[in-house]
Amino acid sequence: MQMRASPRLLSIAAAAMLSGCAMPEARLRAGLINAGLSPPLAGCMAHRMADRLSLIQLRRIGDLPQAREAVSTGEFLHRVRALRDPEILSVSASAAALCAVRARLLIPPR
């Protein structure tokens, strides 16, 4: 006997899976804003970083208490360097650079 899922149940399951993908990006964006980065820069960086770092690495950035005291992107990256994870630093720095250039050129994020 085959069991069939209702269309409503399938749509709820699909929405739950999609929201699970967006959650790390939203949390990272909020953390970057709390660290002192502008909301547009934080949103752009979070979008790029969430795709390139593991959940553990994203959590490590969020758990960086000193980052909340950063007053500039350079200072934030200096604090990220303290994590001693070259991939986190590389992804963070490249996201910051690309997003800053895009903001200056008024190129919408992808």
PDB file of N, CA and C in Angstrom:
ATOM      1  N   MET A   1       0.837  -1.180   0.000  1.00  0.00           N
ATOM      2  CA  MET A   1       0.000   0.000   0.000  1.00  0.00           C
ATOM      3  C   MET A   1       0.881   1.242   0.000  1.00  0.00           C
ATOM      4  N   GLN A   2       0.644   2.133  -0.932  1.00  0.00           N
ATOM      5  CA  GLN A   2       1.409   3.364  -1.031  1.00  0.00           C
ATOM      6  C   GLN A   2       0.743   4.470  -0.237  1.00  0.00           C
ATOM      7  N   MET A   3       1.587   5.247   0.447  1.00  0.00           N
ATOM      8  CA  MET A   3       1.068   6.392   1.191  1.00  0.00           C
ATOM      9  C   MET A   3       1.337   7.637   0.367  1.00  0.00           C
ATOM     10  N   ARG A   4       0.374   8.516   0.315  1.00  0.00           N
ATOM     11  CA  ARG A   4       0.532   9.758  -0.438  1.00  0.00           C
ATOM     12  C   ARG A   4       0.455  10.926   0.529  1.00  0.00           C
ATOM     13  N   ALA A   5       1.387  11.826   0.384  1.00  0.00           N
ATOM     14  CA  ALA A   5       1.388  13.023   1.218  1.00  0.00           C
ATOM     15  C   ALA A   5       0.459  14.066   0.604  1.00  0.00           C
ATOM     16  N   SER A   6      -0.199  14.795   1.470  1.00  0.00           N
ATOM     17  CA  SER A   6      -1.101  15.828   0.973  1.00  0.00           C
ATOM     18  C   SER A   6      -0.279  16.994   0.427  1.00  0.00           C
ATOM     19  N   PRO A   7      -0.834  17.733  -0.522  1.00  0.00           N
ATOM     20  CA  PRO A   7      -0.122  18.899  -1.062  1.00  0.00           C
ATOM     21  C   PRO A   7       0.220  19.918   0.032  1.00  0.00           C
ATOM     22  N   ARG A   8      -0.664  20.058   1.009  1.00  0.00           N
ATOM     23  CA  ARG A   8      -0.396  21.014   2.093  1.00  0.00           C
ATOM     24  C   ARG A   8       0.820  20.567   2.904  1.00  0.00           C
ATOM     25  N   LEU A   9       0.911  19.288   3.197  1.00  0.00           N
ATOM     26  CA  LEU A   9       2.045  18.765   3.956  1.00  0.00           C
ATOM     27  C   LEU A   9       3.339  18.945   3.180  1.00  0.00           C
ATOM     28  N   LEU A  10       3.298  18.729   1.877  1.00  0.00           N
ATOM     29  CA  LEU A  10       4.483  18.920   1.051  1.00  0.00           C
ATOM     30  C   LEU A  10       4.919  20.380   1.028  1.00  0.00           C
ATOM     31  N   SER A  11       3.974  21.307   0.958  1.00  0.00           N
ATOM     32  CA  SER A  11       4.345  22.722   0.940  1.00  0.00           C
ATOM     33  C   SER A  11       4.916  23.158   2.284  1.00  0.00           C
ATOM     34  N   ILE A  12       4.416  22.619   3.378  1.00  0.00           N
ATOM     35  CA  ILE A  12       4.963  22.935   4.701  1.00  0.00           C
ATOM     36  C   ILE A  12       6.381  22.401   4.820  1.00  0.00           C
ATOM     37  N   ALA A  13       6.602  21.187   4.340  1.00  0.00           N
ATOM     38  CA  ALA A  13       7.946  20.598   4.391  1.00  0.00           C
ATOM     39  C   ALA A  13       8.929  21.395   3.535  1.00  0.00           C
ATOM     40  N   ALA A  14       8.497  21.822   2.361  1.00  0.00           N
ATOM     41  CA  ALA A  14       9.365  22.610   1.487  1.00  0.00           C
ATOM     42  C   ALA A  14       9.703  23.954   2.127  1.00  0.00           C
ATOM     43  N   ALA A  15       8.731  24.594   2.740  1.00  0.00           N
ATOM     44  CA  ALA A  15       8.979  25.881   3.407  1.00  0.00           C
ATOM     45  C   ALA A  15       9.947  25.712   4.568  1.00  0.00           C
ATOM     46  N   ALA A  16       9.826  24.633   5.308  1.00  0.00           N
ATOM     47  CA  ALA A  16      10.729  24.381   6.429  1.00  0.00           C
ATOM     48  C   ALA A  16      12.158  24.170   5.942  1.00  0.00           C
ATOM     49  N   MET A  17      12.324  23.449   4.841  1.00  0.00           N
ATOM     50  CA  MET A  17      13.668  23.220   4.313  1.00  0.00           C
ATOM     51  C   MET A  17      14.281  24.529   3.809  1.00  0.00           C
ATOM     52  N   LEU A  18      13.483  25.352   3.139  1.00  0.00           N
ATOM     53  CA  LEU A  18      14.005  26.618   2.625  1.00  0.00           C
ATOM     54  C   LEU A  18      14.350  27.584   3.750  1.00  0.00           C
ATOM     55  N   SER A  19      13.551  27.618   4.801  1.00  0.00           N
ATOM     56  CA  SER A  19      13.856  28.526   5.905  1.00  0.00           C
ATOM     57  C   SER A  19      15.105  28.070   6.647  1.00  0.00           C
ATOM     58  N   GLY A  20      15.395  26.791   6.650  1.00  0.00           N
ATOM     59  CA  GLY A  20      16.616  26.288   7.260  1.00  0.00           C
ATOM     60  C   GLY A  20      17.847  26.775   6.533  1.00  0.00           C
ATOM     61  N   CYS A  21      17.759  26.964   5.232  1.00  0.00           N
ATOM     62  CA  CYS A  21      18.883  27.478   4.446  1.00  0.00           C
ATOM     63  C   CYS A  21      19.097  28.963   4.704  1.00  0.00           C
ATOM     64  N   ALA A  22      18.016  29.705   4.908  1.00  0.00           N
ATOM     65  CA  ALA A  22      18.121  31.149   5.083  1.00  0.00           C
ATOM     66  C   ALA A  22      18.517  31.522   6.505  1.00  0.00           C
ATOM     67  N   MET A  23      18.293  30.658   7.471  1.00  0.00           N
ATOM     68  CA  MET A  23      18.534  30.995   8.867  1.00  0.00           C
ATOM     69  C   MET A  23      19.988  31.379   9.147  1.00  0.00           C
ATOM     70  N   PRO A  24      20.992  30.616   8.721  1.00  0.00           N
ATOM     71  CA  PRO A  24      22.370  31.028   9.011  1.00  0.00           C
ATOM     72  C   PRO A  24      22.710  32.395   8.419  1.00  0.00           C
ATOM     73  N   GLU A  25      22.219  32.676   7.234  1.00  0.00           N
ATOM     74  CA  GLU A  25      22.491  33.971   6.604  1.00  0.00           C
ATOM     75  C   GLU A  25      21.861  35.103   7.410  1.00  0.00           C
ATOM     76  N   ALA A  26      20.636  34.919   7.859  1.00  0.00           N
ATOM     77  CA  ALA A  26      19.963  35.959   8.641  1.00  0.00           C
ATOM     78  C   ALA A  26      20.668  36.181   9.973  1.00  0.00           C
ATOM     79  N   ARG A  27      21.076  35.109  10.617  1.00  0.00           N
ATOM     80  CA  ARG A  27      21.787  35.242  11.900  1.00  0.00           C
ATOM     81  C   ARG A  27      23.134  35.925  11.693  1.00  0.00           C
ATOM     82  N   LEU A  28      23.826  35.566  10.623  1.00  0.00           N
ATOM     83  CA  LEU A  28      25.115  36.177  10.340  1.00  0.00           C
ATOM     84  C   LEU A  28      24.942  37.662  10.032  1.00  0.00           C
ATOM     85  N   ARG A  29      23.926  38.002   9.242  1.00  0.00           N
ATOM     86  CA  ARG A  29      23.663  39.409   8.920  1.00  0.00           C
ATOM     87  C   ARG A  29      23.437  40.200  10.209  1.00  0.00           C
ATOM     88  N   ALA A  30      22.622  39.670  11.114  1.00  0.00           N
ATOM     89  CA  ALA A  30      22.362  40.352  12.385  1.00  0.00           C
ATOM     90  C   ALA A  30      23.649  40.484  13.203  1.00  0.00           C
ATOM     91  N   GLY A  31      24.473  39.453  13.206  1.00  0.00           N
ATOM     92  CA  GLY A  31      25.737  39.508  13.939  1.00  0.00           C
ATOM     93  C   GLY A  31      26.688  40.540  13.363  1.00  0.00           C
ATOM     94  N   LEU A  32      26.735  40.647  12.039  1.00  0.00           N
ATOM     95  CA  LEU A  32      27.609  41.638  11.402  1.00  0.00           C
ATOM     96  C   LEU A  32      27.128  43.057  11.694  1.00  0.00           C
ATOM     97  N   ILE A  33      25.823  43.250  11.728  1.00  0.00           N
ATOM     98  CA  ILE A  33      25.276  44.560  12.076  1.00  0.00           C
ATOM     99  C   ILE A  33      25.619  44.886  13.530  1.00  0.00           C
ATOM    100  N   ASN A  34      25.473  43.894  14.415  1.00  0.00           N
ATOM    101  CA  ASN A  34      25.830  44.106  15.824  1.00  0.00           C
ATOM    102  C   ASN A  34      27.316  44.400  15.984  1.00  0.00           C
ATOM    103  N   ALA A  35      28.124  43.912  15.058  1.00  0.00           N
ATOM    104  CA  ALA A  35      29.566  44.158  15.107  1.00  0.00           C
ATOM    105  C   ALA A  35      29.913  45.562  14.623  1.00  0.00           C
ATOM    106  N   GLY A  36      28.935  46.288  14.130  1.00  0.00           N
ATOM    107  CA  GLY A  36      29.181  47.668  13.735  1.00  0.00           C
ATOM    108  C   GLY A  36      29.204  47.912  12.236  1.00  0.00           C
ATOM    109  N   LEU A  37      28.966  46.880  11.434  1.00  0.00           N
ATOM    110  CA  LEU A  37      28.949  47.066   9.982  1.00  0.00           C
ATOM    111  C   LEU A  37      27.588  47.623   9.562  1.00  0.00           C
ATOM    112  N   SER A  38      27.575  48.372   8.481  1.00  0.00           N
ATOM    113  CA  SER A  38      26.314  48.945   8.011  1.00  0.00           C
ATOM    114  C   SER A  38      25.388  47.822   7.538  1.00  0.00           C
ATOM    115  N   PRO A  39      24.075  48.018   7.671  1.00  0.00           N
ATOM    116  CA  PRO A  39      23.140  46.973   7.236  1.00  0.00           C
ATOM    117  C   PRO A  39      23.319  46.538   5.778  1.00  0.00           C
ATOM    118  N   PRO A  40      23.507  47.459   4.809  1.00  0.00           N
ATOM    119  CA  PRO A  40      23.699  46.987   3.433  1.00  0.00           C
ATOM    120  C   PRO A  40      24.973  46.158   3.268  1.00  0.00           C
ATOM    121  N   LEU A  41      26.069  46.596   3.909  1.00  0.00           N
ATOM    122  CA  LEU A  41      27.323  45.844   3.828  1.00  0.00           C
ATOM    123  C   LEU A  41      27.177  44.498   4.520  1.00  0.00           C
ATOM    124  N   ALA A  42      26.538  44.487   5.683  1.00  0.00           N
ATOM    125  CA  ALA A  42      26.338  43.240   6.418  1.00  0.00           C
ATOM    126  C   ALA A  42      25.488  42.250   5.620  1.00  0.00           C
ATOM    127  N   GLY A  43      24.442  42.733   4.968  1.00  0.00           N
ATOM    128  CA  GLY A  43      23.590  41.852   4.171  1.00  0.00           C
ATOM    129  C   GLY A  43      24.327  41.249   2.997  1.00  0.00           C
ATOM    130  N   CYS A  44      25.105  42.073   2.314  1.00  0.00           N
ATOM    131  CA  CYS A  44      25.888  41.589   1.172  1.00  0.00           C
ATOM    132  C   CYS A  44      26.916  40.561   1.626  1.00  0.00           C
ATOM    133  N   MET A  45      27.634  40.883   2.716  1.00  0.00           N
ATOM    134  CA  MET A  45      28.665  39.966   3.211  1.00  0.00           C
ATOM    135  C   MET A  45      28.050  38.651   3.686  1.00  0.00           C
ATOM    136  N   ALA A  46      26.946  38.728   4.409  1.00  0.00           N
ATOM    137  CA  ALA A  46      26.306  37.521   4.930  1.00  0.00           C
ATOM    138  C   ALA A  46      25.876  36.601   3.804  1.00  0.00           C
ATOM    139  N   HIS A  47      25.351  37.196   2.744  1.00  0.00           N
ATOM    140  CA  HIS A  47      24.909  36.396   1.587  1.00  0.00           C
ATOM    141  C   HIS A  47      26.081  35.603   1.007  1.00  0.00           C
ATOM    142  N   ARG A  48      27.217  36.251   0.843  1.00  0.00           N
ATOM    143  CA  ARG A  48      28.391  35.594   0.266  1.00  0.00           C
ATOM    144  C   ARG A  48      29.004  34.593   1.247  1.00  0.00           C
ATOM    145  N   MET A  49      29.093  34.976   2.508  1.00  0.00           N
ATOM    146  CA  MET A  49      29.766  34.140   3.493  1.00  0.00           C
ATOM    147  C   MET A  49      28.962  32.880   3.821  1.00  0.00           C
ATOM    148  N   ALA A  50      27.652  32.998   3.869  1.00  0.00           N
ATOM    149  CA  ALA A  50      26.813  31.853   4.223  1.00  0.00           C
ATOM    150  C   ALA A  50      26.943  30.728   3.201  1.00  0.00           C
ATOM    151  N   ASP A  51      27.224  31.083   1.964  1.00  0.00           N
ATOM    152  CA  ASP A  51      27.381  30.073   0.915  1.00  0.00           C
ATOM    153  C   ASP A  51      28.758  29.419   0.927  1.00  0.00           C
ATOM    154  N   ARG A  52      29.725  30.067   1.555  1.00  0.00           N
ATOM    155  CA  ARG A  52      31.117  29.612   1.437  1.00  0.00           C
ATOM    156  C   ARG A  52      31.707  29.026   2.717  1.00  0.00           C
ATOM    157  N   LEU A  53      31.040  29.234   3.851  1.00  0.00           N
ATOM    158  CA  LEU A  53      31.564  28.727   5.107  1.00  0.00           C
ATOM    159  C   LEU A  53      30.629  27.666   5.681  1.00  0.00           C
ATOM    160  N   SER A  54      31.192  26.774   6.473  1.00  0.00           N
ATOM    161  CA  SER A  54      30.389  25.738   7.111  1.00  0.00           C
ATOM    162  C   SER A  54      29.595  26.351   8.268  1.00  0.00           C
ATOM    163  N   LEU A  55      28.609  25.626   8.753  1.00  0.00           N
ATOM    164  CA  LEU A  55      27.816  26.114   9.876  1.00  0.00           C
ATOM    165  C   LEU A  55      28.685  26.320  11.110  1.00  0.00           C
ATOM    166  N   ILE A  56      29.652  25.457  11.311  1.00  0.00           N
ATOM    167  CA  ILE A  56      30.559  25.595  12.459  1.00  0.00           C
ATOM    168  C   ILE A  56      31.363  26.884  12.340  1.00  0.00           C
ATOM    169  N   GLN A  57      31.863  27.170  11.147  1.00  0.00           N
ATOM    170  CA  GLN A  57      32.625  28.402  10.939  1.00  0.00           C
ATOM    171  C   GLN A  57      31.739  29.635  11.122  1.00  0.00           C
ATOM    172  N   LEU A  58      30.520  29.580  10.625  1.00  0.00           N
ATOM    173  CA  LEU A  58      29.597  30.703  10.799  1.00  0.00           C
ATOM    174  C   LEU A  58      29.291  30.916  12.273  1.00  0.00           C
ATOM    175  N   ARG A  59      29.137  29.846  13.003  1.00  0.00           N
ATOM    176  CA  ARG A  59      28.875  29.933  14.443  1.00  0.00           C
ATOM    177  C   ARG A  59      30.067  30.548  15.172  1.00  0.00           C
ATOM    178  N   ARG A  60      31.290  30.187  14.740  1.00  0.00           N
ATOM    179  CA  ARG A  60      32.489  30.744  15.366  1.00  0.00           C
ATOM    180  C   ARG A  60      32.548  32.260  15.179  1.00  0.00           C
ATOM    181  N   ILE A  61      32.167  32.745  14.018  1.00  0.00           N
ATOM    182  CA  ILE A  61      32.138  34.192  13.796  1.00  0.00           C
ATOM    183  C   ILE A  61      31.106  34.835  14.721  1.00  0.00           C
ATOM    184  N   GLY A  62      29.948  34.219  14.815  1.00  0.00           N
ATOM    185  CA  GLY A  62      28.892  34.757  15.673  1.00  0.00           C
ATOM    186  C   GLY A  62      29.248  34.743  17.143  1.00  0.00           C
ATOM    187  N   ASP A  63      30.105  33.817  17.546  1.00  0.00           N
ATOM    188  CA  ASP A  63      30.497  33.714  18.946  1.00  0.00           C
ATOM    189  C   ASP A  63      31.698  34.577  19.292  1.00  0.00           C
ATOM    190  N   LEU A  64      32.164  35.369  18.355  1.00  0.00           N
ATOM    191  CA  LEU A  64      33.339  36.209  18.577  1.00  0.00           C
ATOM    192  C   LEU A  64      32.910  37.456  19.347  1.00  0.00           C
ATOM    193  N   PRO A  65      33.072  37.460  20.680  1.00  0.00           N
ATOM    194  CA  PRO A  65      32.536  38.584  21.465  1.00  0.00           C
ATOM    195  C   PRO A  65      33.221  39.905  21.164  1.00  0.00           C
ATOM    196  N   GLN A  66      34.509  39.884  20.847  1.00  0.00           N
ATOM    197  CA  GLN A  66      35.216  41.136  20.589  1.00  0.00           C
ATOM    198  C   GLN A  66      34.720  41.823  19.328  1.00  0.00           C
ATOM    199  N   ALA A  67      34.123  41.080  18.419  1.00  0.00           N
ATOM    200  CA  ALA A  67      33.666  41.668  17.150  1.00  0.00           C
ATOM    201  C   ALA A  67      32.596  42.722  17.393  1.00  0.00           C
ATOM    202  N   ARG A  68      31.864  42.607  18.476  1.00  0.00           N
ATOM    203  CA  ARG A  68      30.807  43.580  18.753  1.00  0.00           C
ATOM    204  C   ARG A  68      31.361  44.970  19.010  1.00  0.00           C
ATOM    205  N   GLU A  69      32.649  45.040  19.353  1.00  0.00           N
ATOM    206  CA  GLU A  69      33.263  46.327  19.652  1.00  0.00           C
ATOM    207  C   GLU A  69      33.924  46.944  18.413  1.00  0.00           C
ATOM    208  N   ALA A  70      33.874  46.280  17.299  1.00  0.00           N
ATOM    209  CA  ALA A  70      34.529  46.785  16.088  1.00  0.00           C
ATOM    210  C   ALA A  70      33.809  48.042  15.606  1.00  0.00           C
ATOM    211  N   VAL A  71      34.584  48.991  15.160  1.00  0.00           N
ATOM    212  CA  VAL A  71      33.980  50.228  14.665  1.00  0.00           C
ATOM    213  C   VAL A  71      34.197  50.401  13.164  1.00  0.00           C
ATOM    214  N   SER A  72      34.955  49.506  12.554  1.00  0.00           N
ATOM    215  CA  SER A  72      35.194  49.588  11.114  1.00  0.00           C
ATOM    216  C   SER A  72      35.332  48.174  10.552  1.00  0.00           C
ATOM    217  N   THR A  73      35.251  48.090   9.237  1.00  0.00           N
ATOM    218  CA  THR A  73      35.425  46.786   8.591  1.00  0.00           C
ATOM    219  C   THR A  73      36.824  46.247   8.846  1.00  0.00           C
ATOM    220  N   GLY A  74      37.826  47.115   8.787  1.00  0.00           N
ATOM    221  CA  GLY A  74      39.193  46.680   9.046  1.00  0.00           C
ATOM    222  C   GLY A  74      39.374  46.140  10.446  1.00  0.00           C
ATOM    223  N   GLU A  75      38.776  46.814  11.418  1.00  0.00           N
ATOM    224  CA  GLU A  75      38.867  46.341  12.800  1.00  0.00           C
ATOM    225  C   GLU A  75      38.121  45.020  12.969  1.00  0.00           C
ATOM    226  N   PHE A  76      36.970  44.889  12.312  1.00  0.00           N
ATOM    227  CA  PHE A  76      36.234  43.624  12.360  1.00  0.00           C
ATOM    228  C   PHE A  76      37.092  42.485  11.815  1.00  0.00           C
ATOM    229  N   LEU A  77      37.740  42.718  10.674  1.00  0.00           N
ATOM    230  CA  LEU A  77      38.583  41.675  10.080  1.00  0.00           C
ATOM    231  C   LEU A  77      39.785  41.363  10.972  1.00  0.00           C
ATOM    232  N   HIS A  78      40.288  42.349  11.669  1.00  0.00           N
ATOM    233  CA  HIS A  78      41.378  42.111  12.617  1.00  0.00           C
ATOM    234  C   HIS A  78      40.915  41.165  13.728  1.00  0.00           C
ATOM    235  N   ARG A  79      39.706  41.356  14.180  1.00  0.00           N
ATOM    236  CA  ARG A  79      39.156  40.482  15.232  1.00  0.00           C
ATOM    237  C   ARG A  79      38.873  39.083  14.682  1.00  0.00           C
ATOM    238  N   VAL A  80      38.437  39.005  13.434  1.00  0.00           N
ATOM    239  CA  VAL A  80      38.198  37.697  12.810  1.00  0.00           C
ATOM    240  C   VAL A  80      39.508  36.931  12.681  1.00  0.00           C
ATOM    241  N   ARG A  81      40.588  37.631  12.411  1.00  0.00           N
ATOM    242  CA  ARG A  81      41.904  36.997  12.304  1.00  0.00           C
ATOM    243  C   ARG A  81      42.258  36.246  13.589  1.00  0.00           C
ATOM    244  N   ALA A  82      41.761  36.712  14.726  1.00  0.00           N
ATOM    245  CA  ALA A  82      42.049  36.075  16.013  1.00  0.00           C
ATOM    246  C   ALA A  82      41.468  34.660  16.105  1.00  0.00           C
ATOM    247  N   LEU A  83      40.536  34.340  15.234  1.00  0.00           N
ATOM    248  CA  LEU A  83      39.973  32.985  15.230  1.00  0.00           C
ATOM    249  C   LEU A  83      40.979  31.950  14.720  1.00  0.00           C
ATOM    250  N   ARG A  84      42.004  32.421  14.034  1.00  0.00           N
ATOM    251  CA  ARG A  84      43.059  31.558  13.491  1.00  0.00           C
ATOM    252  C   ARG A  84      42.506  30.482  12.546  1.00  0.00           C
ATOM    253  N   ASP A  85      41.556  30.913  11.723  1.00  0.00           N
ATOM    254  CA  ASP A  85      41.006  30.041  10.685  1.00  0.00           C
ATOM    255  C   ASP A  85      41.195  30.773   9.363  1.00  0.00           C
ATOM    256  N   PRO A  86      42.185  30.347   8.558  1.00  0.00           N
ATOM    257  CA  PRO A  86      42.473  31.068   7.317  1.00  0.00           C
ATOM    258  C   PRO A  86      41.289  31.150   6.363  1.00  0.00           C
ATOM    259  N   GLU A  87      40.461  30.140   6.347  1.00  0.00           N
ATOM    260  CA  GLU A  87      39.314  30.159   5.436  1.00  0.00           C
ATOM    261  C   GLU A  87      38.294  31.210   5.877  1.00  0.00           C
ATOM    262  N   ILE A  88      38.024  31.303   7.164  1.00  0.00           N
ATOM    263  CA  ILE A  88      37.092  32.315   7.658  1.00  0.00           C
ATOM    264  C   ILE A  88      37.623  33.705   7.324  1.00  0.00           C
ATOM    265  N   LEU A  89      38.901  33.932   7.575  1.00  0.00           N
ATOM    266  CA  LEU A  89      39.490  35.245   7.293  1.00  0.00           C
ATOM    267  C   LEU A  89      39.445  35.558   5.807  1.00  0.00           C
ATOM    268  N   SER A  90      39.800  34.602   4.973  1.00  0.00           N
ATOM    269  CA  SER A  90      39.816  34.809   3.532  1.00  0.00           C
ATOM    270  C   SER A  90      38.419  35.128   2.994  1.00  0.00           C
ATOM    271  N   VAL A  91      37.438  34.342   3.410  1.00  0.00           N
ATOM    272  CA  VAL A  91      36.065  34.552   2.943  1.00  0.00           C
ATOM    273  C   VAL A  91      35.523  35.881   3.459  1.00  0.00           C
ATOM    274  N   SER A  92      35.801  36.193   4.719  1.00  0.00           N
ATOM    275  CA  SER A  92      35.324  37.451   5.298  1.00  0.00           C
ATOM    276  C   SER A  92      35.948  38.652   4.585  1.00  0.00           C
ATOM    277  N   ALA A  93      37.256  38.590   4.361  1.00  0.00           N
ATOM    278  CA  ALA A  93      37.947  39.712   3.715  1.00  0.00           C
ATOM    279  C   ALA A  93      37.493  39.891   2.273  1.00  0.00           C
ATOM    280  N   SER A  94      37.360  38.793   1.536  1.00  0.00           N
ATOM    281  CA  SER A  94      36.944  38.930   0.143  1.00  0.00           C
ATOM    282  C   SER A  94      35.497  39.414   0.045  1.00  0.00           C
ATOM    283  N   ALA A  95      34.638  38.947   0.960  1.00  0.00           N
ATOM    284  CA  ALA A  95      33.246  39.410   0.958  1.00  0.00           C
ATOM    285  C   ALA A  95      33.191  40.900   1.291  1.00  0.00           C
ATOM    286  N   ALA A  96      33.979  41.331   2.270  1.00  0.00           N
ATOM    287  CA  ALA A  96      33.992  42.748   2.642  1.00  0.00           C
ATOM    288  C   ALA A  96      34.477  43.612   1.482  1.00  0.00           C
ATOM    289  N   ALA A  97      35.540  43.178   0.827  1.00  0.00           N
ATOM    290  CA  ALA A  97      36.090  43.960  -0.283  1.00  0.00           C
ATOM    291  C   ALA A  97      35.106  44.042  -1.445  1.00  0.00           C
ATOM    292  N   LEU A  98      34.561  42.900  -1.840  1.00  0.00           N
ATOM    293  CA  LEU A  98      33.633  42.889  -2.971  1.00  0.00           C
ATOM    294  C   LEU A  98      32.380  43.707  -2.663  1.00  0.00           C
ATOM    295  N   CYS A  99      31.860  43.535  -1.465  1.00  0.00           N
ATOM    296  CA  CYS A  99      30.631  44.246  -1.115  1.00  0.00           C
ATOM    297  C   CYS A  99      30.869  45.748  -0.990  1.00  0.00           C
ATOM    298  N   ALA A 100      32.042  46.148  -0.508  1.00  0.00           N
ATOM    299  CA  ALA A 100      32.358  47.576  -0.419  1.00  0.00           C
ATOM    300  C   ALA A 100      32.468  48.190  -1.820  1.00  0.00           C
ATOM    301  N   VAL A 101      33.096  47.477  -2.732  1.00  0.00           N
ATOM    302  CA  VAL A 101      33.220  47.967  -4.112  1.00  0.00           C
ATOM    303  C   VAL A 101      31.845  48.049  -4.762  1.00  0.00           C
ATOM    304  N   ARG A 102      31.037  47.019  -4.556  1.00  0.00           N
ATOM    305  CA  ARG A 102      29.697  47.040  -5.145  1.00  0.00           C
ATOM    306  C   ARG A 102      28.880  48.200  -4.600  1.00  0.00           C
ATOM    307  N   ALA A 103      29.013  48.467  -3.307  1.00  0.00           N
ATOM    308  CA  ALA A 103      28.253  49.574  -2.702  1.00  0.00           C
ATOM    309  C   ALA A 103      28.691  50.912  -3.296  1.00  0.00           C
ATOM    310  N   ARG A 104      29.994  51.065  -3.538  1.00  0.00           N
ATOM    311  CA  ARG A 104      30.495  52.326  -4.103  1.00  0.00           C
ATOM    312  C   ARG A 104      30.061  52.492  -5.553  1.00  0.00           C
ATOM    313  N   LEU A 105      29.943  51.369  -6.272  1.00  0.00           N
ATOM    314  CA  LEU A 105      29.545  51.432  -7.675  1.00  0.00           C
ATOM    315  C   LEU A 105      28.042  51.304  -7.847  1.00  0.00           C
ATOM    316  N   LEU A 106      27.338  51.134  -6.734  1.00  0.00           N
ATOM    317  CA  LEU A 106      25.881  50.976  -6.732  1.00  0.00           C
ATOM    318  C   LEU A 106      25.425  49.792  -7.557  1.00  0.00           C
ATOM    319  N   ILE A 107      26.174  48.689  -7.465  1.00  0.00           N
ATOM    320  CA  ILE A 107      25.799  47.453  -8.147  1.00  0.00           C
ATOM    321  C   ILE A 107      24.948  46.641  -7.179  1.00  0.00           C
ATOM    322  N   PRO A 108      23.738  46.248  -7.573  1.00  0.00           N
ATOM    323  CA  PRO A 108      22.898  45.470  -6.653  1.00  0.00           C
ATOM    324  C   PRO A 108      23.508  44.096  -6.391  1.00  0.00           C
ATOM    325  N   PRO A 109      23.378  43.570  -5.147  1.00  0.00           N
ATOM    326  CA  PRO A 109      23.903  42.238  -4.834  1.00  0.00           C
ATOM    327  C   PRO A 109      23.144  41.168  -5.582  1.00  0.00           C
ATOM    328  N   ARG A 110      23.833  40.052  -5.819  1.00  0.00           N
ATOM    329  CA  ARG A 110      23.199  38.924  -6.506  1.00  0.00           C
ATOM    330  C   ARG A 110      22.512  38.034  -5.535  1.00  0.00           C
TER     331      ARG A 110
END
